[in-house]
Amino acid sequence: MPYRLNTDLPQPVRKHLPDHAQDIYREAFNHAFAAYAGEADREQRSHMIAWSAVKRSYVKTGEMWVPRVA
């Protein structure tokens, strides 16, 4: 299901990602969810795509996700 707000995201996403990374996750998930309509694994695929989108801009350091330095 698409996420309307960041507060609708799964608990692990809200707990570990900063606000901007949550925005990236939500937008990527929603886009992928729409793109894979009709696919049996669309939700799983959408979560994988959303994490990939976050990882392009953020890196996990210890327990925290921080912006990548160019």
Protein backbone atom coordinates (compact mmCIF):
# COMPACT_ATOMS: atom_id res chain seq x y z
CA MET A 1 0.00 0.00 0.00
CA PRO A 2 1.28 3.48 -0.75
CA TYR A 3 2.28 5.72 2.14
CA ARG A 4 0.62 9.13 2.36
CA LEU A 5 2.80 10.50 5.19
CA ASN A 6 6.09 9.59 6.80
CA THR A 7 4.17 8.65 9.95
CA ASP A 8 2.54 5.87 7.88
CA LEU A 9 5.92 4.25 7.10
CA PRO A 10 6.89 0.98 8.81
CA GLN A 11 8.28 1.41 12.33
CA PRO A 12 11.88 0.35 11.45
CA VAL A 13 12.02 2.99 8.72
CA ARG A 14 10.67 5.74 10.99
CA LYS A 15 12.90 4.70 13.87
CA HIS A 16 16.21 4.59 12.00
CA LEU A 17 16.02 7.09 9.15
CA PRO A 18 16.21 10.88 9.47
CA ASP A 19 13.26 12.88 8.11
CA HIS A 20 14.77 13.60 4.70
CA ALA A 21 15.68 9.95 4.19
CA GLN A 22 12.11 9.01 5.13
CA ASP A 23 10.88 11.38 2.40
CA ILE A 24 13.15 9.64 -0.11
CA TYR A 25 11.97 6.20 1.04
CA ARG A 26 8.27 7.13 0.86
CA GLU A 27 8.50 8.71 -2.57
CA ALA A 28 10.54 5.85 -4.03
CA PHE A 29 8.23 3.23 -2.50
CA ASN A 30 5.09 4.93 -3.79
CA HIS A 31 6.53 5.32 -7.29
CA ALA A 32 7.65 1.68 -7.45
CA PHE A 33 4.34 0.46 -5.98
CA ALA A 34 2.47 2.20 -8.81
CA ALA A 35 4.94 1.02 -11.45
CA TYR A 36 4.63 -2.65 -10.46
CA ALA A 37 0.82 -2.77 -10.25
CA GLY A 38 -0.41 -6.27 -10.96
CA GLU A 39 2.87 -7.95 -9.94
CA ALA A 40 2.64 -10.57 -7.17
CA ASP A 41 5.77 -9.28 -5.41
CA ARG A 42 5.10 -5.58 -5.88
CA GLU A 43 5.23 -4.65 -2.18
CA GLN A 44 8.49 -6.51 -1.51
CA ARG A 45 10.02 -5.09 -4.68
CA SER A 46 8.88 -1.58 -3.75
CA HIS A 47 10.55 -1.81 -0.33
CA MET A 48 13.81 -2.98 -1.94
CA ILE A 49 13.71 -0.09 -4.41
CA ALA A 50 12.97 2.38 -1.61
CA TRP A 51 15.98 1.19 0.43
CA SER A 52 18.17 1.45 -2.67
CA ALA A 53 17.02 5.04 -3.17
CA VAL A 54 17.90 5.91 0.44
CA LYS A 55 21.33 4.29 0.09
CA ARG A 56 22.18 6.58 -2.84
CA SER A 57 21.98 9.61 -0.52
CA TYR A 58 22.64 8.14 2.94
CA VAL A 59 25.09 5.72 4.50
CA LYS A 60 24.70 3.79 7.73
CA THR A 61 27.40 4.63 10.28
CA GLY A 62 26.99 2.46 13.34
CA GLU A 63 23.29 2.68 14.18
CA MET A 64 22.73 6.03 12.43
CA TRP A 65 22.01 6.92 8.81
CA VAL A 66 23.93 10.02 7.75
CA PRO A 67 24.08 11.94 4.45
CA ARG A 68 26.74 10.77 2.02
CA VAL A 69 29.59 13.20 1.53
CA ALA A 70 30.24 13.98 -2.12
